[in-house]
Amino acid sequence: MHPRGSCAAAGAQPLWDRLGKAIETQKLSHVGFTATGCLGFCDAGPLLVVYPDGVWYRPTTAVDIVEIVDSHLKQGVRVDRLVMVLTRS
């Protein structure tokens, strides 16, 4: 069981599966993909961080993942509508 407010509880796994397949299918050899533990913003998840750019995304659908891959990972263009603005209380 996943803690309430976690990325896993928010349905992240299907999105990460889609991301992994997209990276592999499109042969993006310059892209590494690593699942992590909590990034500290559990109520905001699922979250995806693109390094070295330091861009935090909040994808909620498979379409969001495709857009991030096609725009940011392939072309280097940030997807502003999915960027997560982070604030800590």
PDB file of N, CA and C in Angstrom:
ATOM      1  N   MET A   1       0.838  -1.189   0.000  1.00  0.00           N
ATOM      2  CA  MET A   1       0.000   0.000   0.000  1.00  0.00           C
ATOM      3  C   MET A   1       0.880   1.248   0.000  1.00  0.00           C
ATOM      4  N   HIS A   2       0.478   2.241  -0.792  1.00  0.00           N
ATOM      5  CA  HIS A   2       1.255   3.473  -0.900  1.00  0.00           C
ATOM      6  C   HIS A   2       0.683   4.530   0.029  1.00  0.00           C
ATOM      7  N   PRO A   3       1.568   5.360   0.601  1.00  0.00           N
ATOM      8  CA  PRO A   3       1.064   6.422   1.471  1.00  0.00           C
ATOM      9  C   PRO A   3       0.174   7.388   0.704  1.00  0.00           C
ATOM     10  N   ARG A   4      -0.859   7.863   1.374  1.00  0.00           N
ATOM     11  CA  ARG A   4      -1.747   8.861   0.773  1.00  0.00           C
ATOM     12  C   ARG A   4      -0.912  10.071   0.387  1.00  0.00           C
ATOM     13  N   GLY A   5      -1.145  10.613  -0.783  1.00  0.00           N
ATOM     14  CA  GLY A   5      -0.395  11.786  -1.221  1.00  0.00           C
ATOM     15  C   GLY A   5       0.912  11.448  -1.914  1.00  0.00           C
ATOM     16  N   SER A   6       1.167  10.173  -2.167  1.00  0.00           N
ATOM     17  CA  SER A   6       2.416   9.813  -2.844  1.00  0.00           C
ATOM     18  C   SER A   6       2.204   9.778  -4.355  1.00  0.00           C
ATOM     19  N   CYS A   7       3.304   9.845  -5.093  1.00  0.00           N
ATOM     20  CA  CYS A   7       3.216   9.746  -6.555  1.00  0.00           C
ATOM     21  C   CYS A   7       2.600   8.415  -6.970  1.00  0.00           C
ATOM     22  N   ALA A   8       2.989   7.347  -6.288  1.00  0.00           N
ATOM     23  CA  ALA A   8       2.446   6.028  -6.618  1.00  0.00           C
ATOM     24  C   ALA A   8       0.943   5.988  -6.392  1.00  0.00           C
ATOM     25  N   ALA A   9       0.482   6.540  -5.292  1.00  0.00           N
ATOM     26  CA  ALA A   9      -0.950   6.559  -5.000  1.00  0.00           C
ATOM     27  C   ALA A   9      -1.707   7.433  -5.991  1.00  0.00           C
ATOM     28  N   ALA A  10      -1.012   8.395  -6.592  1.00  0.00           N
ATOM     29  CA  ALA A  10      -1.643   9.302  -7.562  1.00  0.00           C
ATOM     30  C   ALA A  10      -1.625   8.723  -8.979  1.00  0.00           C
ATOM     31  N   GLY A  11      -1.187   7.473  -9.131  1.00  0.00           N
ATOM     32  CA  GLY A  11      -1.238   6.830 -10.438  1.00  0.00           C
ATOM     33  C   GLY A  11      -0.028   7.046 -11.317  1.00  0.00           C
ATOM     34  N   ALA A  12       1.144   7.188 -10.730  1.00  0.00           N
ATOM     35  CA  ALA A  12       2.348   7.468 -11.507  1.00  0.00           C
ATOM     36  C   ALA A  12       2.816   6.293 -12.372  1.00  0.00           C
ATOM     37  N   GLN A  13       2.632   5.069 -11.919  1.00  0.00           N
ATOM     38  CA  GLN A  13       3.244   3.929 -12.613  1.00  0.00           C
ATOM     39  C   GLN A  13       2.883   3.826 -14.096  1.00  0.00           C
ATOM     40  N   PRO A  14       1.612   3.959 -14.485  1.00  0.00           N
ATOM     41  CA  PRO A  14       1.319   3.894 -15.922  1.00  0.00           C
ATOM     42  C   PRO A  14       2.007   5.005 -16.721  1.00  0.00           C
ATOM     43  N   LEU A  15       2.172   6.165 -16.110  1.00  0.00           N
ATOM     44  CA  LEU A  15       2.852   7.263 -16.787  1.00  0.00           C
ATOM     45  C   LEU A  15       4.335   6.940 -16.961  1.00  0.00           C
ATOM     46  N   TRP A  16       4.961   6.372 -15.934  1.00  0.00           N
ATOM     47  CA  TRP A  16       6.381   6.044 -16.022  1.00  0.00           C
ATOM     48  C   TRP A  16       6.601   4.899 -17.002  1.00  0.00           C
ATOM     49  N   ASP A  17       5.648   3.962 -17.057  1.00  0.00           N
ATOM     50  CA  ASP A  17       5.739   2.894 -18.067  1.00  0.00           C
ATOM     51  C   ASP A  17       5.707   3.495 -19.468  1.00  0.00           C
ATOM     52  N   ARG A  18       4.812   4.437 -19.675  1.00  0.00           N
ATOM     53  CA  ARG A  18       4.693   5.114 -20.973  1.00  0.00           C
ATOM     54  C   ARG A  18       5.970   5.877 -21.312  1.00  0.00           C
ATOM     55  N   LEU A  19       6.543   6.550 -20.319  1.00  0.00           N
ATOM     56  CA  LEU A  19       7.782   7.304 -20.516  1.00  0.00           C
ATOM     57  C   LEU A  19       8.921   6.370 -20.914  1.00  0.00           C
ATOM     58  N   GLY A  20       9.073   5.284 -20.195  1.00  0.00           N
ATOM     59  CA  GLY A  20      10.129   4.330 -20.510  1.00  0.00           C
ATOM     60  C   GLY A  20       9.994   3.773 -21.918  1.00  0.00           C
ATOM     61  N   LYS A  21       8.769   3.438 -22.309  1.00  0.00           N
ATOM     62  CA  LYS A  21       8.534   2.916 -23.663  1.00  0.00           C
ATOM     63  C   LYS A  21       8.836   3.965 -24.721  1.00  0.00           C
ATOM     64  N   ALA A  22       8.439   5.203 -24.467  1.00  0.00           N
ATOM     65  CA  ALA A  22       8.681   6.281 -25.432  1.00  0.00           C
ATOM     66  C   ALA A  22      10.175   6.525 -25.617  1.00  0.00           C
ATOM     67  N   ILE A  23      10.923   6.522 -24.531  1.00  0.00           N
ATOM     68  CA  ILE A  23      12.374   6.724 -24.612  1.00  0.00           C
ATOM     69  C   ILE A  23      13.013   5.595 -25.419  1.00  0.00           C
ATOM     70  N   GLU A  24      12.583   4.376 -25.146  1.00  0.00           N
ATOM     71  CA  GLU A  24      13.129   3.209 -25.856  1.00  0.00           C
ATOM     72  C   GLU A  24      12.707   3.193 -27.326  1.00  0.00           C
ATOM     73  N   THR A  25      11.426   3.389 -27.582  1.00  0.00           N
ATOM     74  CA  THR A  25      10.894   3.339 -28.944  1.00  0.00           C
ATOM     75  C   THR A  25      11.513   4.402 -29.843  1.00  0.00           C
ATOM     76  N   GLN A  26      11.697   5.587 -29.287  1.00  0.00           N
ATOM     77  CA  GLN A  26      12.233   6.686 -30.081  1.00  0.00           C
ATOM     78  C   GLN A  26      13.761   6.740 -30.065  1.00  0.00           C
ATOM     79  N   LYS A  27      14.353   5.727 -29.425  1.00  0.00           N
ATOM     80  CA  LYS A  27      15.815   5.587 -29.397  1.00  0.00           C
ATOM     81  C   LYS A  27      16.525   6.858 -28.916  1.00  0.00           C
ATOM     82  N   LEU A  28      16.031   7.372 -27.799  1.00  0.00           N
ATOM     83  CA  LEU A  28      16.620   8.580 -27.217  1.00  0.00           C
ATOM     84  C   LEU A  28      17.783   8.173 -26.313  1.00  0.00           C
ATOM     85  N   SER A  29      18.883   7.779 -26.940  1.00  0.00           N
ATOM     86  CA  SER A  29      20.033   7.250 -26.206  1.00  0.00           C
ATOM     87  C   SER A  29      20.670   8.276 -25.266  1.00  0.00           C
ATOM     88  N   HIS A  30      20.398   9.552 -25.483  1.00  0.00           N
ATOM     89  CA  HIS A  30      20.947  10.599 -24.623  1.00  0.00           C
ATOM     90  C   HIS A  30      20.112  10.804 -23.361  1.00  0.00           C
ATOM     91  N   VAL A  31      19.006  10.064 -23.236  1.00  0.00           N
ATOM     92  CA  VAL A  31      18.091  10.236 -22.109  1.00  0.00           C
ATOM     93  C   VAL A  31      18.177   9.028 -21.187  1.00  0.00           C
ATOM     94  N   GLY A  32      18.399   9.301 -19.911  1.00  0.00           N
ATOM     95  CA  GLY A  32      18.340   8.261 -18.891  1.00  0.00           C
ATOM     96  C   GLY A  32      17.053   8.429 -18.105  1.00  0.00           C
ATOM     97  N   PHE A  33      16.537   7.339 -17.599  1.00  0.00           N
ATOM     98  CA  PHE A  33      15.277   7.381 -16.858  1.00  0.00           C
ATOM     99  C   PHE A  33      15.451   6.591 -15.573  1.00  0.00           C
ATOM    100  N   THR A  34      15.257   7.253 -14.441  1.00  0.00           N
ATOM    101  CA  THR A  34      15.405   6.617 -13.144  1.00  0.00           C
ATOM    102  C   THR A  34      14.217   6.979 -12.269  1.00  0.00           C
ATOM    103  N   ALA A  35      13.582   5.956 -11.739  1.00  0.00           N
ATOM    104  CA  ALA A  35      12.515   6.190 -10.759  1.00  0.00           C
ATOM    105  C   ALA A  35      13.185   6.433  -9.414  1.00  0.00           C
ATOM    106  N   THR A  36      12.624   7.343  -8.649  1.00  0.00           N
ATOM    107  CA  THR A  36      13.201   7.672  -7.343  1.00  0.00           C
ATOM    108  C   THR A  36      12.152   7.483  -6.260  1.00  0.00           C
ATOM    109  N   GLY A  37      12.600   7.684  -5.062  1.00  0.00           N
ATOM    110  CA  GLY A  37      11.672   7.740  -3.949  1.00  0.00           C
ATOM    111  C   GLY A  37      11.048   9.126  -3.915  1.00  0.00           C
ATOM    112  N   CYS A  38      10.593   9.516  -2.793  1.00  0.00           N
ATOM    113  CA  CYS A  38       9.902  10.797  -2.634  1.00  0.00           C
ATOM    114  C   CYS A  38      10.826  11.968  -2.969  1.00  0.00           C
ATOM    115  N   LEU A  39      10.280  12.909  -3.735  1.00  0.00           N
ATOM    116  CA  LEU A  39      11.011  14.129  -4.075  1.00  0.00           C
ATOM    117  C   LEU A  39      10.620  15.296  -3.167  1.00  0.00           C
ATOM    118  N   GLY A  40       9.743  15.022  -2.193  1.00  0.00           N
ATOM    119  CA  GLY A  40       9.393  16.015  -1.189  1.00  0.00           C
ATOM    120  C   GLY A  40       8.143  16.827  -1.469  1.00  0.00           C
ATOM    121  N   PHE A  41       7.442  16.543  -2.535  1.00  0.00           N
ATOM    122  CA  PHE A  41       6.227  17.273  -2.867  1.00  0.00           C
ATOM    123  C   PHE A  41       5.103  16.264  -3.113  1.00  0.00           C
ATOM    124  N   CYS A  42       4.896  15.418  -2.128  1.00  0.00           N
ATOM    125  CA  CYS A  42       4.024  14.245  -2.289  1.00  0.00           C
ATOM    126  C   CYS A  42       2.605  14.586  -2.717  1.00  0.00           C
ATOM    127  N   ASP A  43       2.031  15.637  -2.218  1.00  0.00           N
ATOM    128  CA  ASP A  43       0.656  15.989  -2.575  1.00  0.00           C
ATOM    129  C   ASP A  43       0.541  16.490  -4.008  1.00  0.00           C
ATOM    130  N   ALA A  44       1.660  16.811  -4.653  1.00  0.00           N
ATOM    131  CA  ALA A  44       1.635  17.343  -6.013  1.00  0.00           C
ATOM    132  C   ALA A  44       1.819  16.263  -7.071  1.00  0.00           C
ATOM    133  N   GLY A  45       2.190  15.059  -6.677  1.00  0.00           N
ATOM    134  CA  GLY A  45       2.566  14.016  -7.631  1.00  0.00           C
ATOM    135  C   GLY A  45       1.450  13.565  -8.533  1.00  0.00           C
ATOM    136  N   PRO A  46       1.795  12.858  -9.586  1.00  0.00           N
ATOM    137  CA  PRO A  46       3.143  12.441  -9.957  1.00  0.00           C
ATOM    138  C   PRO A  46       3.970  13.583 -10.549  1.00  0.00           C
ATOM    139  N   LEU A  47       5.251  13.516 -10.277  1.00  0.00           N
ATOM    140  CA  LEU A  47       6.183  14.538 -10.757  1.00  0.00           C
ATOM    141  C   LEU A  47       7.286  13.898 -11.588  1.00  0.00           C
ATOM    142  N   LEU A  48       7.811  14.663 -12.505  1.00  0.00           N
ATOM    143  CA  LEU A  48       8.899  14.238 -13.374  1.00  0.00           C
ATOM    144  C   LEU A  48       9.876  15.400 -13.437  1.00  0.00           C
ATOM    145  N   VAL A  49      11.152  15.132 -13.207  1.00  0.00           N
ATOM    146  CA  VAL A  49      12.172  16.179 -13.252  1.00  0.00           C
ATOM    147  C   VAL A  49      13.120  15.887 -14.405  1.00  0.00           C
ATOM    148  N   VAL A  50      13.369  16.887 -15.245  1.00  0.00           N
ATOM    149  CA  VAL A  50      14.303  16.753 -16.352  1.00  0.00           C
ATOM    150  C   VAL A  50      15.597  17.465 -15.965  1.00  0.00           C
ATOM    151  N   TYR A  51      16.668  16.685 -15.888  1.00  0.00           N
ATOM    152  CA  TYR A  51      17.996  17.218 -15.598  1.00  0.00           C
ATOM    153  C   TYR A  51      18.841  17.146 -16.860  1.00  0.00           C
ATOM    154  N   PRO A  52      19.789  18.022 -17.076  1.00  0.00           N
ATOM    155  CA  PRO A  52      20.301  19.018 -16.141  1.00  0.00           C
ATOM    156  C   PRO A  52      19.500  20.312 -16.124  1.00  0.00           C
ATOM    157  N   ASP A  53      18.398  20.368 -16.861  1.00  0.00           N
ATOM    158  CA  ASP A  53      17.617  21.604 -16.958  1.00  0.00           C
ATOM    159  C   ASP A  53      16.949  22.002 -15.641  1.00  0.00           C
ATOM    160  N   GLY A  54      16.667  21.028 -14.790  1.00  0.00           N
ATOM    161  CA  GLY A  54      16.001  21.317 -13.526  1.00  0.00           C
ATOM    162  C   GLY A  54      14.537  21.700 -13.701  1.00  0.00           C
ATOM    163  N   VAL A  55      13.911  21.189 -14.743  1.00  0.00           N
ATOM    164  CA  VAL A  55      12.505  21.487 -15.006  1.00  0.00           C
ATOM    165  C   VAL A  55      11.646  20.394 -14.375  1.00  0.00           C
ATOM    166  N   TRP A  56      10.701  20.812 -13.550  1.00  0.00           N
ATOM    167  CA  TRP A  56       9.785  19.889 -12.883  1.00  0.00           C
ATOM    168  C   TRP A  56       8.452  19.907 -13.625  1.00  0.00           C
ATOM    169  N   TYR A  57       7.998  18.723 -14.006  1.00  0.00           N
ATOM    170  CA  TYR A  57       6.718  18.583 -14.692  1.00  0.00           C
ATOM    171  C   TYR A  57       5.733  17.830 -13.812  1.00  0.00           C
ATOM    172  N   ARG A  58       4.460  18.115 -14.052  1.00  0.00           N
ATOM    173  CA  ARG A  58       3.383  17.389 -13.379  1.00  0.00           C
ATOM    174  C   ARG A  58       2.476  16.773 -14.448  1.00  0.00           C
ATOM    175  N   PRO A  59       2.897  15.651 -15.037  1.00  0.00           N
ATOM    176  CA  PRO A  59       2.068  15.000 -16.047  1.00  0.00           C
ATOM    177  C   PRO A  59       0.923  14.249 -15.392  1.00  0.00           C
ATOM    178  N   THR A  60      -0.226  14.252 -16.045  1.00  0.00           N
ATOM    179  CA  THR A  60      -1.361  13.515 -15.489  1.00  0.00           C
ATOM    180  C   THR A  60      -1.936  12.502 -16.469  1.00  0.00           C
ATOM    181  N   THR A  61      -1.529  12.590 -17.740  1.00  0.00           N
ATOM    182  CA  THR A  61      -2.052  11.677 -18.749  1.00  0.00           C
ATOM    183  C   THR A  61      -0.917  11.181 -19.642  1.00  0.00           C
ATOM    184  N   ALA A  62      -1.201  10.122 -20.397  1.00  0.00           N
ATOM    185  CA  ALA A  62      -0.228   9.611 -21.363  1.00  0.00           C
ATOM    186  C   ALA A  62       0.084  10.665 -22.421  1.00  0.00           C
ATOM    187  N   VAL A  63      -0.895  11.481 -22.762  1.00  0.00           N
ATOM    188  CA  VAL A  63      -0.689  12.565 -23.741  1.00  0.00           C
ATOM    189  C   VAL A  63       0.349  13.553 -23.217  1.00  0.00           C
ATOM    190  N   ASP A  64       0.316  13.837 -21.923  1.00  0.00           N
ATOM    191  CA  ASP A  64       1.315  14.729 -21.322  1.00  0.00           C
ATOM    192  C   ASP A  64       2.717  14.149 -21.471  1.00  0.00           C
ATOM    193  N   ILE A  65       2.841  12.852 -21.237  1.00  0.00           N
ATOM    194  CA  ILE A  65       4.141  12.193 -21.369  1.00  0.00           C
ATOM    195  C   ILE A  65       4.648  12.300 -22.799  1.00  0.00           C
ATOM    196  N   VAL A  66       3.787  12.020 -23.757  1.00  0.00           N
ATOM    197  CA  VAL A  66       4.176  12.119 -25.175  1.00  0.00           C
ATOM    198  C   VAL A  66       4.638  13.535 -25.495  1.00  0.00           C
ATOM    199  N   GLU A  67       3.931  14.526 -24.994  1.00  0.00           N
ATOM    200  CA  GLU A  67       4.302  15.917 -25.261  1.00  0.00           C
ATOM    201  C   GLU A  67       5.659  16.264 -24.641  1.00  0.00           C
ATOM    202  N   ILE A  68       5.920  15.801 -23.436  1.00  0.00           N
ATOM    203  CA  ILE A  68       7.202  16.062 -22.790  1.00  0.00           C
ATOM    204  C   ILE A  68       8.331  15.407 -23.580  1.00  0.00           C
ATOM    205  N   VAL A  69       8.117  14.168 -23.998  1.00  0.00           N
ATOM    206  CA  VAL A  69       9.140  13.466 -24.778  1.00  0.00           C
ATOM    207  C   VAL A  69       9.386  14.179 -26.100  1.00  0.00           C
ATOM    208  N   ASP A  70       8.316  14.445 -26.843  1.00  0.00           N
ATOM    209  CA  ASP A  70       8.464  15.059 -28.165  1.00  0.00           C
ATOM    210  C   ASP A  70       9.042  16.471 -28.103  1.00  0.00           C
ATOM    211  N   SER A  71       8.607  17.245 -27.131  1.00  0.00           N
ATOM    212  CA  SER A  71       9.034  18.637 -27.070  1.00  0.00           C
ATOM    213  C   SER A  71      10.349  18.805 -26.310  1.00  0.00           C
ATOM    214  N   HIS A  72      10.360  18.387 -25.049  1.00  0.00           N
ATOM    215  CA  HIS A  72      11.529  18.674 -24.210  1.00  0.00           C
ATOM    216  C   HIS A  72      12.686  17.708 -24.467  1.00  0.00           C
ATOM    217  N   LEU A  73      12.406  16.413 -24.447  1.00  0.00           N
ATOM    218  CA  LEU A  73      13.505  15.459 -24.559  1.00  0.00           C
ATOM    219  C   LEU A  73      14.076  15.369 -25.967  1.00  0.00           C
ATOM    220  N   LYS A  74      13.245  15.549 -26.983  1.00  0.00           N
ATOM    221  CA  LYS A  74      13.730  15.465 -28.361  1.00  0.00           C
ATOM    222  C   LYS A  74      14.191  16.813 -28.908  1.00  0.00           C
ATOM    223  N   GLN A  75      13.467  17.887 -28.594  1.00  0.00           N
ATOM    224  CA  GLN A  75      13.753  19.181 -29.200  1.00  0.00           C
ATOM    225  C   GLN A  75      14.345  20.211 -28.245  1.00  0.00           C
ATOM    226  N   GLY A  76      14.350  19.902 -26.936  1.00  0.00           N
ATOM    227  CA  GLY A  76      14.887  20.840 -25.957  1.00  0.00           C
ATOM    228  C   GLY A  76      13.976  22.017 -25.662  1.00  0.00           C
ATOM    229  N   VAL A  77      12.680  21.868 -25.971  1.00  0.00           N
ATOM    230  CA  VAL A  77      11.719  22.957 -25.759  1.00  0.00           C
ATOM    231  C   VAL A  77      10.815  22.594 -24.579  1.00  0.00           C
ATOM    232  N   ARG A  78      10.860  23.413 -23.548  1.00  0.00           N
ATOM    233  CA  ARG A  78      10.069  23.180 -22.340  1.00  0.00           C
ATOM    234  C   ARG A  78       8.576  23.232 -22.650  1.00  0.00           C
ATOM    235  N   VAL A  79       7.810  22.373 -21.975  1.00  0.00           N
ATOM    236  CA  VAL A  79       6.350  22.338 -22.123  1.00  0.00           C
ATOM    237  C   VAL A  79       5.762  23.148 -20.966  1.00  0.00           C
ATOM    238  N   ASP A  80       5.593  24.443 -21.192  1.00  0.00           N
ATOM    239  CA  ASP A  80       5.209  25.359 -20.118  1.00  0.00           C
ATOM    240  C   ASP A  80       3.902  24.985 -19.431  1.00  0.00           C
ATOM    241  N   ARG A  81       2.938  24.448 -20.177  1.00  0.00           N
ATOM    242  CA  ARG A  81       1.645  24.139 -19.555  1.00  0.00           C
ATOM    243  C   ARG A  81       1.736  23.027 -18.507  1.00  0.00           C
ATOM    244  N   LEU A  82       2.824  22.243 -18.541  1.00  0.00           N
ATOM    245  CA  LEU A  82       2.988  21.135 -17.595  1.00  0.00           C
ATOM    246  C   LEU A  82       4.033  21.401 -16.524  1.00  0.00           C
ATOM    247  N   VAL A  83       4.680  22.571 -16.580  1.00  0.00           N
ATOM    248  CA  VAL A  83       5.719  22.879 -15.600  1.00  0.00           C
ATOM    249  C   VAL A  83       5.079  23.078 -14.227  1.00  0.00           C
ATOM    250  N   MET A  84       5.682  22.445 -13.250  1.00  0.00           N
ATOM    251  CA  MET A  84       5.219  22.530 -11.863  1.00  0.00           C
ATOM    252  C   MET A  84       5.989  23.639 -11.167  1.00  0.00           C
ATOM    253  N   VAL A  85       5.287  24.594 -10.626  1.00  0.00           N
ATOM    254  CA  VAL A  85       5.904  25.648  -9.839  1.00  0.00           C
ATOM    255  C   VAL A  85       5.910  25.156  -8.406  1.00  0.00           C
ATOM    256  N   LEU A  86       7.102  25.014  -7.841  1.00  0.00           N
ATOM    257  CA  LEU A  86       7.228  24.404  -6.519  1.00  0.00           C
ATOM    258  C   LEU A  86       7.301  25.442  -5.420  1.00  0.00           C
ATOM    259  N   THR A  87       6.558  25.162  -4.373  1.00  0.00           N
ATOM    260  CA  THR A  87       6.617  25.988  -3.166  1.00  0.00           C
ATOM    261  C   THR A  87       6.556  25.045  -1.978  1.00  0.00           C
ATOM    262  N   ARG A  88       7.287  25.362  -0.965  1.00  0.00           N
ATOM    263  CA  ARG A  88       7.252  24.573   0.274  1.00  0.00           C
ATOM    264  C   ARG A  88       6.596  25.413   1.355  1.00  0.00           C
ATOM    265  N   SER A  89       5.800  24.751   2.177  1.00  0.00           N
ATOM    266  CA  SER A  89       5.149  25.453   3.297  1.00  0.00           C
ATOM    267  C   SER A  89       6.081  25.548   4.458  1.00  0.00           C
TER     268      SER A  89
END
